[in-house]
Structures are given as structure tokens and as C-alpha cells.
N, C-alpha and C. Protein backbone atom coordinates (compact mmCIF):
# COMPACT_ATOMS: atom_id res chain seq x y z
N UNK A 1 22.70 -5.05 4.09
CA UNK A 1 22.01 -3.79 4.23
C UNK A 1 20.70 -4.02 4.98
N UNK A 2 20.40 -3.14 5.91
CA UNK A 2 19.19 -3.28 6.71
C UNK A 2 17.96 -2.91 5.89
N UNK A 3 16.88 -3.60 6.16
CA UNK A 3 15.60 -3.33 5.50
C UNK A 3 15.11 -1.95 5.94
N UNK A 4 14.71 -1.12 5.00
CA UNK A 4 14.23 0.23 5.31
C UNK A 4 12.87 0.15 5.97
N UNK A 5 12.75 0.83 7.10
CA UNK A 5 11.48 0.85 7.82
C UNK A 5 10.71 2.11 7.44
N UNK A 6 9.43 1.94 7.24
CA UNK A 6 8.56 3.06 6.95
C UNK A 6 7.76 3.38 8.20
N UNK A 7 7.78 4.63 8.61
CA UNK A 7 7.02 5.05 9.77
C UNK A 7 5.61 5.43 9.32
N UNK A 8 4.63 5.02 10.09
CA UNK A 8 3.24 5.27 9.74
C UNK A 8 2.61 6.10 10.84
N UNK A 9 1.99 7.22 10.49
CA UNK A 9 1.29 8.05 11.46
C UNK A 9 0.02 7.32 11.89
N UNK A 10 -0.15 7.15 13.20
CA UNK A 10 -1.30 6.38 13.68
C UNK A 10 -2.42 7.26 14.19
N UNK A 11 -2.10 8.29 14.93
CA UNK A 11 -3.13 9.19 15.45
C UNK A 11 -4.07 8.52 16.44
N UNK A 12 -3.60 7.55 17.23
CA UNK A 12 -4.47 6.88 18.18
C UNK A 12 -4.48 7.60 19.52
N UNK A 13 -5.47 7.28 20.34
CA UNK A 13 -5.62 7.91 21.65
C UNK A 13 -5.20 6.95 22.75
N UNK A 14 -4.70 7.53 23.86
CA UNK A 14 -4.32 6.76 25.03
C UNK A 14 -5.01 7.33 26.25
N UNK A 15 -5.16 6.49 27.26
CA UNK A 15 -5.69 7.01 28.53
C UNK A 15 -4.62 7.92 29.15
N UNK A 16 -5.03 8.79 30.03
CA UNK A 16 -4.11 9.71 30.70
C UNK A 16 -3.04 8.94 31.47
N UNK A 17 -3.44 7.86 32.16
CA UNK A 17 -2.48 7.05 32.91
C UNK A 17 -1.42 6.43 32.00
N UNK A 18 -1.83 5.92 30.84
CA UNK A 18 -0.87 5.32 29.92
C UNK A 18 0.04 6.37 29.30
N UNK A 19 -0.51 7.53 29.00
CA UNK A 19 0.31 8.61 28.46
C UNK A 19 1.34 9.07 29.49
N UNK A 20 0.91 9.19 30.75
CA UNK A 20 1.85 9.55 31.82
C UNK A 20 2.96 8.51 31.94
N UNK A 21 2.59 7.23 31.85
CA UNK A 21 3.57 6.15 31.92
C UNK A 21 4.58 6.27 30.78
N UNK A 22 4.11 6.50 29.57
CA UNK A 22 4.99 6.62 28.40
C UNK A 22 5.90 7.83 28.56
N UNK A 23 5.37 8.95 29.04
CA UNK A 23 6.19 10.14 29.25
C UNK A 23 7.25 9.90 30.32
N UNK A 24 6.87 9.23 31.41
CA UNK A 24 7.83 8.93 32.48
C UNK A 24 8.94 8.01 31.97
N UNK A 25 8.56 6.98 31.21
CA UNK A 25 9.58 6.08 30.64
C UNK A 25 10.49 6.83 29.68
N UNK A 26 9.90 7.69 28.89
CA UNK A 26 10.70 8.48 27.95
C UNK A 26 11.69 9.37 28.67
N UNK A 27 11.24 10.00 29.75
CA UNK A 27 12.14 10.86 30.51
C UNK A 27 13.26 10.04 31.14
N UNK A 28 12.93 8.86 31.66
CA UNK A 28 13.94 8.00 32.29
C UNK A 28 14.96 7.48 31.29
N UNK A 29 14.50 7.18 30.08
CA UNK A 29 15.37 6.58 29.06
C UNK A 29 15.95 7.58 28.08
N UNK A 30 15.49 8.83 28.15
CA UNK A 30 15.95 9.84 27.20
C UNK A 30 15.38 9.66 25.81
N UNK A 31 14.13 9.16 25.76
CA UNK A 31 13.46 8.91 24.48
C UNK A 31 12.21 9.77 24.38
N UNK A 32 11.76 10.01 23.15
CA UNK A 32 10.48 10.69 22.99
C UNK A 32 9.35 9.66 23.08
N UNK A 33 8.12 10.14 23.14
CA UNK A 33 6.97 9.24 23.34
C UNK A 33 6.83 8.23 22.22
N UNK A 34 7.05 8.65 20.99
CA UNK A 34 6.94 7.73 19.86
C UNK A 34 7.95 6.60 19.97
N UNK A 35 9.18 6.94 20.35
CA UNK A 35 10.21 5.91 20.49
C UNK A 35 9.91 4.95 21.63
N UNK A 36 9.31 5.45 22.71
CA UNK A 36 8.94 4.57 23.83
C UNK A 36 7.88 3.57 23.38
N UNK A 37 6.85 4.05 22.71
CA UNK A 37 5.79 3.15 22.23
C UNK A 37 6.38 2.14 21.25
N UNK A 38 7.24 2.58 20.34
CA UNK A 38 7.87 1.69 19.37
C UNK A 38 8.73 0.65 20.08
N UNK A 39 9.46 1.05 21.12
CA UNK A 39 10.30 0.13 21.88
C UNK A 39 9.44 -0.94 22.57
N UNK A 40 8.36 -0.51 23.22
CA UNK A 40 7.48 -1.45 23.91
C UNK A 40 6.89 -2.46 22.93
N UNK A 41 6.43 -1.98 21.79
CA UNK A 41 5.85 -2.88 20.80
C UNK A 41 6.90 -3.83 20.22
N UNK A 42 8.13 -3.37 20.06
CA UNK A 42 9.21 -4.24 19.58
C UNK A 42 9.48 -5.35 20.57
N UNK A 43 9.51 -5.02 21.86
CA UNK A 43 9.73 -6.03 22.89
C UNK A 43 8.60 -7.05 22.87
N UNK A 44 7.36 -6.57 22.78
CA UNK A 44 6.20 -7.46 22.75
C UNK A 44 6.27 -8.36 21.51
N UNK A 45 6.59 -7.79 20.38
CA UNK A 45 6.64 -8.55 19.13
C UNK A 45 7.74 -9.61 19.16
N UNK A 46 8.86 -9.30 19.79
CA UNK A 46 9.99 -10.22 19.81
C UNK A 46 9.80 -11.39 20.77
N UNK A 47 8.95 -11.24 21.78
CA UNK A 47 8.73 -12.34 22.73
C UNK A 47 7.27 -12.36 23.16
N UNK A 48 6.40 -12.68 22.22
CA UNK A 48 4.96 -12.65 22.50
C UNK A 48 4.56 -13.67 23.56
N UNK A 49 5.22 -14.82 23.58
CA UNK A 49 4.86 -15.84 24.57
C UNK A 49 5.10 -15.33 25.98
N UNK A 50 6.20 -14.64 26.20
CA UNK A 50 6.49 -14.08 27.52
C UNK A 50 5.47 -13.02 27.90
N UNK A 51 5.11 -12.18 26.96
CA UNK A 51 4.14 -11.11 27.24
C UNK A 51 2.78 -11.72 27.58
N UNK A 52 2.36 -12.72 26.84
CA UNK A 52 1.09 -13.39 27.12
C UNK A 52 1.12 -14.00 28.52
N UNK A 53 2.23 -14.63 28.86
CA UNK A 53 2.37 -15.23 30.19
C UNK A 53 2.29 -14.16 31.28
N UNK A 54 2.97 -13.03 31.08
CA UNK A 54 2.94 -11.95 32.06
C UNK A 54 1.53 -11.38 32.23
N UNK A 55 0.82 -11.22 31.12
CA UNK A 55 -0.55 -10.71 31.18
C UNK A 55 -1.45 -11.69 31.91
N UNK A 56 -1.34 -12.97 31.59
CA UNK A 56 -2.15 -13.98 32.27
C UNK A 56 -1.86 -13.99 33.77
N UNK A 57 -0.59 -13.90 34.14
CA UNK A 57 -0.21 -13.87 35.56
C UNK A 57 -0.77 -12.64 36.26
N UNK A 58 -0.75 -11.51 35.59
CA UNK A 58 -1.23 -10.29 36.25
C UNK A 58 -2.75 -10.31 36.40
N UNK A 59 -3.45 -10.99 35.52
CA UNK A 59 -4.91 -11.07 35.60
C UNK A 59 -5.34 -12.05 36.69
N UNK A 60 -4.64 -13.17 36.78
CA UNK A 60 -5.07 -14.20 37.74
C UNK A 60 -4.63 -13.93 39.16
N UNK A 61 -3.59 -13.14 39.36
CA UNK A 61 -3.10 -12.83 40.72
C UNK A 61 -3.70 -11.50 41.17
N UNK A 62 -4.61 -11.58 42.13
CA UNK A 62 -5.26 -10.36 42.60
C UNK A 62 -4.83 -10.02 43.98
């Protein structure tokens, strides 16, 4: 049996550019904004080393 997940209301703010990005991804994938944010965080959580590497690469390459 799968572990029951509890959803927590966050009420956080995003920049307009990030909100637009989330909405565009949601439209492309057929997901709502909450599911897009949850998906992105799940990907980051599952492979943090890769995400850190990508962030470092994007900062150092100008």
C-alpha cells in the first residue's frame, strides 16, 4: 500500500516570469499550476546532484 501523502497549503509568491513559466508548462502538459510545481520539486528531490550540477553550469557559463 502506498504511503498517504498530505497536501499542505503554502500560499507563497512567485515572480511573474516564473508564474508564466509554470502556466505554460501546465498548458503543455495538461496539468494545473500546483501539479507543475509539485512535479518540478519531485524531479529536483529525486536527483539533487544533477540539479546542483545544472545550476552551477548555468551560473558559470555566461
